[in-house]
Each structure stands twice: as C-alpha cells, then as structure tokens.
Amino acid sequence: MDSHSKSWAILAVAGLMEVVWAVAMGQSNGFTIWYYDIIVAVFLVISMYLLAKALSGGVPVGTGYAVWTGIGAVGTMAVSLAMKTETASPLRLAFVALIIIGIVGLQLTSKPKEE
C-alpha cells in the first residue's frame, strides 16, 4: 500500500472513531454519565490524532476534513437508525446518499498535497 492509500485508510479509521465518540456523546445525557464521558474523550483524541496523521501523510486538509466529518455523519446516522434513536425516511436517506457520493468523489479526485 502506497503512502497516499495508507493516509486514506488512516482517515477512514479516524472517521469511524468519530462515530464512536459522537454516539457516546449522545448517550452521555449532557456529560452526566461518567463512563460515556470517558469514551467520548478517548475516542475524540484517537480520532483527531488519526485525522492529523492522515493530513500529514498527504491528504489535503480541506478534503480530509470533509471526508472525516462525512464518515462521522453517515456512520453516526447509521448507528442512530440501528439504535432506533432516529427515524429514516426516503428523503433523509437520499441526503445521506449524497454525503456518501461526496465522500467517494473527494477520494477519487484527490491527489496528494504538494510538499
């Protein structure tokens, strides 16, 4: 795996870590349940660290940030739907599909940043 592909893989994992902390934050009841607070803090740090690694590995900052938040948004929505804390409608799912299309499009058209 070349360094550019590795950076994208790291970015994908960073996005998944964002899902963990975002879902935990939703469960924390306004940071009143201590074990969810710990999950939020730990996975937020991991997610940000991996985002920084992906950016330092050649993913452009604007693209990386958009993809990171997109993965987090789509993943958090998917988990929320599975937990039945959110509802789905065809229109909402269509908008989520647009986010996914945007993430894929950014990855497909991305070039490593110039040093």
N, C-alpha and C. Protein backbone atom coordinates (compact mmCIF):
# COMPACT_ATOMS: atom_id res chain seq x y z
N MET A 1 0.85 -1.18 0.00
CA MET A 1 0.00 0.00 0.00
C MET A 1 0.90 1.24 0.00
N ASP A 2 0.67 2.12 -0.97
CA ASP A 2 1.50 3.34 -1.02
C ASP A 2 1.08 4.30 0.09
N SER A 3 1.90 5.32 0.31
CA SER A 3 1.66 6.23 1.44
C SER A 3 0.36 7.01 1.29
N HIS A 4 -0.01 7.35 0.04
CA HIS A 4 -1.27 8.08 -0.16
C HIS A 4 -2.46 7.19 0.22
N SER A 5 -2.43 5.94 -0.22
CA SER A 5 -3.50 5.00 0.14
C SER A 5 -3.55 4.74 1.63
N LYS A 6 -2.37 4.66 2.25
CA LYS A 6 -2.30 4.45 3.70
C LYS A 6 -2.92 5.64 4.43
N SER A 7 -2.65 6.84 3.95
CA SER A 7 -3.23 8.03 4.58
C SER A 7 -4.75 8.02 4.48
N TRP A 8 -5.27 7.56 3.34
CA TRP A 8 -6.71 7.46 3.19
C TRP A 8 -7.30 6.40 4.12
N ALA A 9 -6.60 5.30 4.30
CA ALA A 9 -7.06 4.26 5.23
C ALA A 9 -7.08 4.79 6.66
N ILE A 10 -6.04 5.54 7.03
CA ILE A 10 -5.99 6.15 8.36
C ILE A 10 -7.14 7.12 8.52
N LEU A 11 -7.44 7.89 7.48
CA LEU A 11 -8.55 8.84 7.53
C LEU A 11 -9.88 8.12 7.73
N ALA A 12 -10.06 6.97 7.07
CA ALA A 12 -11.29 6.20 7.23
C ALA A 12 -11.44 5.71 8.67
N VAL A 13 -10.36 5.24 9.26
CA VAL A 13 -10.41 4.79 10.66
C VAL A 13 -10.70 5.99 11.58
N ALA A 14 -10.10 7.14 11.28
CA ALA A 14 -10.38 8.35 12.06
C ALA A 14 -11.87 8.68 12.03
N GLY A 15 -12.47 8.54 10.85
CA GLY A 15 -13.91 8.79 10.72
C GLY A 15 -14.73 7.80 11.54
N LEU A 16 -14.32 6.55 11.57
CA LEU A 16 -15.03 5.55 12.37
C LEU A 16 -14.89 5.84 13.86
N MET A 17 -13.73 6.33 14.27
CA MET A 17 -13.55 6.71 15.68
C MET A 17 -14.45 7.89 16.03
N GLU A 18 -14.69 8.76 15.05
CA GLU A 18 -15.60 9.88 15.27
C GLU A 18 -17.01 9.38 15.55
N VAL A 19 -17.40 8.32 14.85
CA VAL A 19 -18.72 7.73 15.08
C VAL A 19 -18.84 7.28 16.54
N VAL A 20 -17.81 6.62 17.04
CA VAL A 20 -17.84 6.11 18.42
C VAL A 20 -18.04 7.25 19.41
N TRP A 21 -17.22 8.31 19.29
CA TRP A 21 -17.36 9.38 20.28
C TRP A 21 -18.66 10.14 20.12
N ALA A 22 -19.14 10.31 18.89
CA ALA A 22 -20.39 11.04 18.69
C ALA A 22 -21.58 10.28 19.27
N VAL A 23 -21.61 8.97 19.05
CA VAL A 23 -22.70 8.15 19.61
C VAL A 23 -22.62 8.16 21.13
N ALA A 24 -21.40 8.03 21.67
CA ALA A 24 -21.24 8.06 23.13
C ALA A 24 -21.68 9.40 23.69
N MET A 25 -21.39 10.49 22.97
CA MET A 25 -21.82 11.80 23.44
C MET A 25 -23.34 11.88 23.50
N GLY A 26 -23.98 11.30 22.50
CA GLY A 26 -25.44 11.29 22.51
C GLY A 26 -26.02 10.49 23.66
N GLN A 27 -25.28 9.48 24.08
CA GLN A 27 -25.73 8.64 25.20
C GLN A 27 -25.36 9.20 26.57
N SER A 28 -24.49 10.22 26.59
CA SER A 28 -23.93 10.71 27.85
C SER A 28 -24.88 11.59 28.66
N ASN A 29 -26.04 11.91 28.08
CA ASN A 29 -27.02 12.75 28.78
C ASN A 29 -26.38 14.07 29.23
N GLY A 30 -25.78 14.75 28.27
CA GLY A 30 -25.16 16.05 28.59
C GLY A 30 -23.94 15.92 29.47
N PHE A 31 -23.15 14.90 29.24
CA PHE A 31 -21.94 14.61 30.01
C PHE A 31 -22.24 14.37 31.49
N THR A 32 -23.33 13.67 31.75
CA THR A 32 -23.66 13.35 33.14
C THR A 32 -23.45 11.87 33.47
N ILE A 33 -23.11 11.06 32.48
CA ILE A 33 -22.86 9.64 32.73
C ILE A 33 -21.37 9.41 32.48
N TRP A 34 -20.62 9.22 33.56
CA TRP A 34 -19.16 9.27 33.52
C TRP A 34 -18.52 8.31 32.53
N TYR A 35 -19.04 7.09 32.41
CA TYR A 35 -18.37 6.14 31.50
C TYR A 35 -18.54 6.54 30.05
N TYR A 36 -19.64 7.17 29.68
CA TYR A 36 -19.77 7.70 28.33
C TYR A 36 -18.84 8.89 28.13
N ASP A 37 -18.66 9.69 29.17
CA ASP A 37 -17.74 10.83 29.09
C ASP A 37 -16.32 10.35 28.78
N ILE A 38 -15.90 9.26 29.41
CA ILE A 38 -14.57 8.71 29.16
C ILE A 38 -14.46 8.21 27.72
N ILE A 39 -15.49 7.52 27.24
CA ILE A 39 -15.49 7.04 25.85
C ILE A 39 -15.38 8.21 24.89
N VAL A 40 -16.15 9.26 25.14
CA VAL A 40 -16.09 10.45 24.28
C VAL A 40 -14.66 11.00 24.25
N ALA A 41 -14.06 11.21 25.42
CA ALA A 41 -12.73 11.80 25.49
C ALA A 41 -11.68 10.94 24.79
N VAL A 42 -11.69 9.65 25.06
CA VAL A 42 -10.68 8.75 24.49
C VAL A 42 -10.82 8.68 22.97
N PHE A 43 -12.03 8.46 22.48
CA PHE A 43 -12.19 8.29 21.04
C PHE A 43 -12.09 9.62 20.29
N LEU A 44 -12.39 10.72 20.94
CA LEU A 44 -12.17 12.02 20.31
C LEU A 44 -10.68 12.25 20.09
N VAL A 45 -9.88 11.95 21.09
CA VAL A 45 -8.43 12.12 20.95
C VAL A 45 -7.89 11.19 19.86
N ILE A 46 -8.32 9.94 19.86
CA ILE A 46 -7.86 9.00 18.83
C ILE A 46 -8.26 9.50 17.45
N SER A 47 -9.50 9.92 17.31
CA SER A 47 -10.00 10.38 16.02
C SER A 47 -9.21 11.59 15.52
N MET A 48 -8.97 12.56 16.39
CA MET A 48 -8.22 13.76 16.00
C MET A 48 -6.77 13.41 15.66
N TYR A 49 -6.18 12.52 16.44
CA TYR A 49 -4.80 12.11 16.18
C TYR A 49 -4.70 11.45 14.79
N LEU A 50 -5.62 10.54 14.50
CA LEU A 50 -5.59 9.86 13.21
C LEU A 50 -5.88 10.83 12.06
N LEU A 51 -6.77 11.79 12.28
CA LEU A 51 -7.00 12.82 11.27
C LEU A 51 -5.70 13.57 10.99
N ALA A 52 -5.00 13.95 12.03
CA ALA A 52 -3.73 14.67 11.86
C ALA A 52 -2.71 13.81 11.12
N LYS A 53 -2.66 12.51 11.43
CA LYS A 53 -1.74 11.61 10.74
C LYS A 53 -2.08 11.53 9.25
N ALA A 54 -3.36 11.44 8.93
CA ALA A 54 -3.78 11.37 7.52
C ALA A 54 -3.40 12.66 6.79
N LEU A 55 -3.60 13.79 7.44
CA LEU A 55 -3.27 15.07 6.82
C LEU A 55 -1.76 15.20 6.62
N SER A 56 -0.99 14.76 7.61
CA SER A 56 0.47 14.84 7.47
C SER A 56 0.99 13.82 6.46
N GLY A 57 0.16 12.82 6.14
CA GLY A 57 0.55 11.81 5.17
C GLY A 57 0.21 12.15 3.74
N GLY A 58 -0.38 13.32 3.51
CA GLY A 58 -0.62 13.76 2.15
C GLY A 58 -2.05 14.05 1.77
N VAL A 59 -3.01 13.75 2.63
CA VAL A 59 -4.39 14.10 2.32
C VAL A 59 -4.55 15.60 2.53
N PRO A 60 -5.04 16.33 1.52
CA PRO A 60 -5.22 17.78 1.68
C PRO A 60 -6.20 18.10 2.82
N VAL A 61 -5.94 19.16 3.54
CA VAL A 61 -6.71 19.46 4.75
C VAL A 61 -8.21 19.64 4.49
N GLY A 62 -8.57 20.37 3.47
CA GLY A 62 -10.00 20.58 3.19
C GLY A 62 -10.69 19.29 2.82
N THR A 63 -10.06 18.51 1.98
CA THR A 63 -10.61 17.22 1.58
C THR A 63 -10.68 16.27 2.76
N GLY A 64 -9.59 16.20 3.52
CA GLY A 64 -9.55 15.31 4.67
C GLY A 64 -10.60 15.64 5.71
N TYR A 65 -10.75 16.92 5.99
CA TYR A 65 -11.75 17.32 6.98
C TYR A 65 -13.16 17.01 6.49
N ALA A 66 -13.43 17.27 5.22
CA ALA A 66 -14.76 16.97 4.67
C ALA A 66 -15.06 15.49 4.72
N VAL A 67 -14.09 14.67 4.37
CA VAL A 67 -14.30 13.22 4.39
C VAL A 67 -14.45 12.72 5.82
N TRP A 68 -13.61 13.22 6.73
CA TRP A 68 -13.67 12.82 8.14
C TRP A 68 -15.05 13.12 8.73
N THR A 69 -15.54 14.33 8.52
CA THR A 69 -16.85 14.68 9.06
C THR A 69 -17.96 13.92 8.34
N GLY A 70 -17.77 13.68 7.04
CA GLY A 70 -18.77 12.92 6.29
C GLY A 70 -18.91 11.50 6.78
N ILE A 71 -17.76 10.83 7.00
CA ILE A 71 -17.80 9.47 7.55
C ILE A 71 -18.45 9.49 8.92
N GLY A 72 -18.09 10.47 9.72
CA GLY A 72 -18.69 10.58 11.05
C GLY A 72 -20.19 10.80 10.99
N ALA A 73 -20.62 11.66 10.09
CA ALA A 73 -22.06 11.96 9.97
C ALA A 73 -22.84 10.75 9.49
N VAL A 74 -22.35 10.10 8.44
CA VAL A 74 -23.05 8.94 7.90
C VAL A 74 -23.03 7.78 8.90
N GLY A 75 -21.88 7.55 9.49
CA GLY A 75 -21.78 6.46 10.47
C GLY A 75 -22.63 6.69 11.70
N THR A 76 -22.63 7.92 12.19
CA THR A 76 -23.45 8.24 13.36
C THR A 76 -24.93 8.10 13.04
N MET A 77 -25.32 8.51 11.85
CA MET A 77 -26.71 8.35 11.43
C MET A 77 -27.06 6.86 11.34
N ALA A 78 -26.17 6.06 10.77
CA ALA A 78 -26.43 4.63 10.65
C ALA A 78 -26.60 3.97 12.01
N VAL A 79 -25.71 4.30 12.95
CA VAL A 79 -25.81 3.74 14.29
C VAL A 79 -27.09 4.22 14.97
N SER A 80 -27.42 5.49 14.80
CA SER A 80 -28.65 6.03 15.41
C SER A 80 -29.89 5.36 14.84
N LEU A 81 -29.88 5.08 13.56
CA LEU A 81 -31.01 4.35 12.96
C LEU A 81 -31.08 2.94 13.51
N ALA A 82 -29.93 2.27 13.65
CA ALA A 82 -29.91 0.92 14.19
C ALA A 82 -30.37 0.88 15.64
N MET A 83 -30.03 1.93 16.40
CA MET A 83 -30.44 2.01 17.81
C MET A 83 -31.87 2.53 17.96
N LYS A 84 -32.45 2.91 16.85
CA LYS A 84 -33.81 3.47 16.81
C LYS A 84 -33.93 4.77 17.61
N THR A 85 -32.85 5.54 17.64
CA THR A 85 -32.91 6.86 18.27
C THR A 85 -33.17 7.94 17.22
N GLU A 86 -33.17 7.55 15.94
CA GLU A 86 -33.53 8.43 14.84
C GLU A 86 -34.41 7.64 13.89
N THR A 87 -35.15 8.36 13.08
CA THR A 87 -36.01 7.71 12.11
C THR A 87 -35.50 7.98 10.70
N ALA A 88 -35.85 7.06 9.83
CA ALA A 88 -35.44 7.19 8.42
C ALA A 88 -36.66 7.48 7.58
N SER A 89 -36.44 8.27 6.56
CA SER A 89 -37.46 8.49 5.54
C SER A 89 -36.71 8.42 4.21
N PRO A 90 -37.42 8.19 3.14
CA PRO A 90 -36.72 8.15 1.85
C PRO A 90 -35.92 9.42 1.57
N LEU A 91 -36.46 10.57 1.91
CA LEU A 91 -35.76 11.82 1.65
C LEU A 91 -34.49 11.94 2.51
N ARG A 92 -34.58 11.59 3.78
CA ARG A 92 -33.40 11.63 4.66
C ARG A 92 -32.32 10.68 4.16
N LEU A 93 -32.72 9.49 3.75
CA LEU A 93 -31.77 8.51 3.23
C LEU A 93 -31.14 8.99 1.92
N ALA A 94 -31.91 9.71 1.12
CA ALA A 94 -31.37 10.27 -0.12
C ALA A 94 -30.29 11.30 0.19
N PHE A 95 -30.51 12.11 1.21
CA PHE A 95 -29.49 13.10 1.58
C PHE A 95 -28.24 12.44 2.14
N VAL A 96 -28.41 11.35 2.89
CA VAL A 96 -27.25 10.60 3.37
C VAL A 96 -26.50 10.02 2.18
N ALA A 97 -27.22 9.54 1.18
CA ALA A 97 -26.59 9.01 -0.03
C ALA A 97 -25.76 10.10 -0.72
N LEU A 98 -26.25 11.32 -0.71
CA LEU A 98 -25.49 12.42 -1.31
C LEU A 98 -24.18 12.66 -0.55
N ILE A 99 -24.20 12.52 0.76
CA ILE A 99 -22.97 12.66 1.54
C ILE A 99 -21.99 11.56 1.13
N ILE A 100 -22.49 10.34 1.01
CA ILE A 100 -21.63 9.21 0.62
C ILE A 100 -21.04 9.46 -0.77
N ILE A 101 -21.85 9.92 -1.69
CA ILE A 101 -21.37 10.23 -3.04
C ILE A 101 -20.27 11.30 -2.97
N GLY A 102 -20.47 12.29 -2.13
CA GLY A 102 -19.45 13.33 -1.96
C GLY A 102 -18.15 12.79 -1.40
N ILE A 103 -18.24 11.91 -0.41
CA ILE A 103 -17.03 11.30 0.17
C ILE A 103 -16.28 10.51 -0.89
N VAL A 104 -16.99 9.67 -1.62
CA VAL A 104 -16.35 8.86 -2.66
C VAL A 104 -15.76 9.76 -3.74
N GLY A 105 -16.49 10.78 -4.14
CA GLY A 105 -15.99 11.69 -5.16
C GLY A 105 -14.73 12.42 -4.73
N LEU A 106 -14.69 12.86 -3.48
CA LEU A 106 -13.49 13.54 -2.99
C LEU A 106 -12.30 12.59 -2.97
N GLN A 107 -12.53 11.35 -2.57
CA GLN A 107 -11.43 10.39 -2.54
C GLN A 107 -10.94 10.08 -3.95
N LEU A 108 -11.86 9.90 -4.87
CA LEU A 108 -11.48 9.55 -6.24
C LEU A 108 -10.74 10.68 -6.96
N THR A 109 -11.03 11.90 -6.60
CA THR A 109 -10.42 13.04 -7.29
C THR A 109 -9.25 13.65 -6.52
N SER A 110 -8.91 13.07 -5.39
CA SER A 110 -7.86 13.62 -4.56
C SER A 110 -6.48 13.24 -5.07
N LYS A 111 -5.59 14.20 -4.95
CA LYS A 111 -4.17 13.99 -5.23
C LYS A 111 -3.42 14.34 -3.96
N PRO A 112 -2.28 13.69 -3.74
CA PRO A 112 -1.51 14.06 -2.55
C PRO A 112 -1.14 15.54 -2.57
N LYS A 113 -1.14 16.17 -1.39
CA LYS A 113 -0.75 17.58 -1.35
C LYS A 113 0.73 17.71 -1.69
N GLU A 114 1.04 18.82 -2.29
CA GLU A 114 2.43 19.10 -2.68
C GLU A 114 3.22 19.48 -1.43
N GLU A 115 4.41 18.97 -1.33
CA GLU A 115 5.28 19.30 -0.19
C GLU A 115 6.03 20.57 -0.46
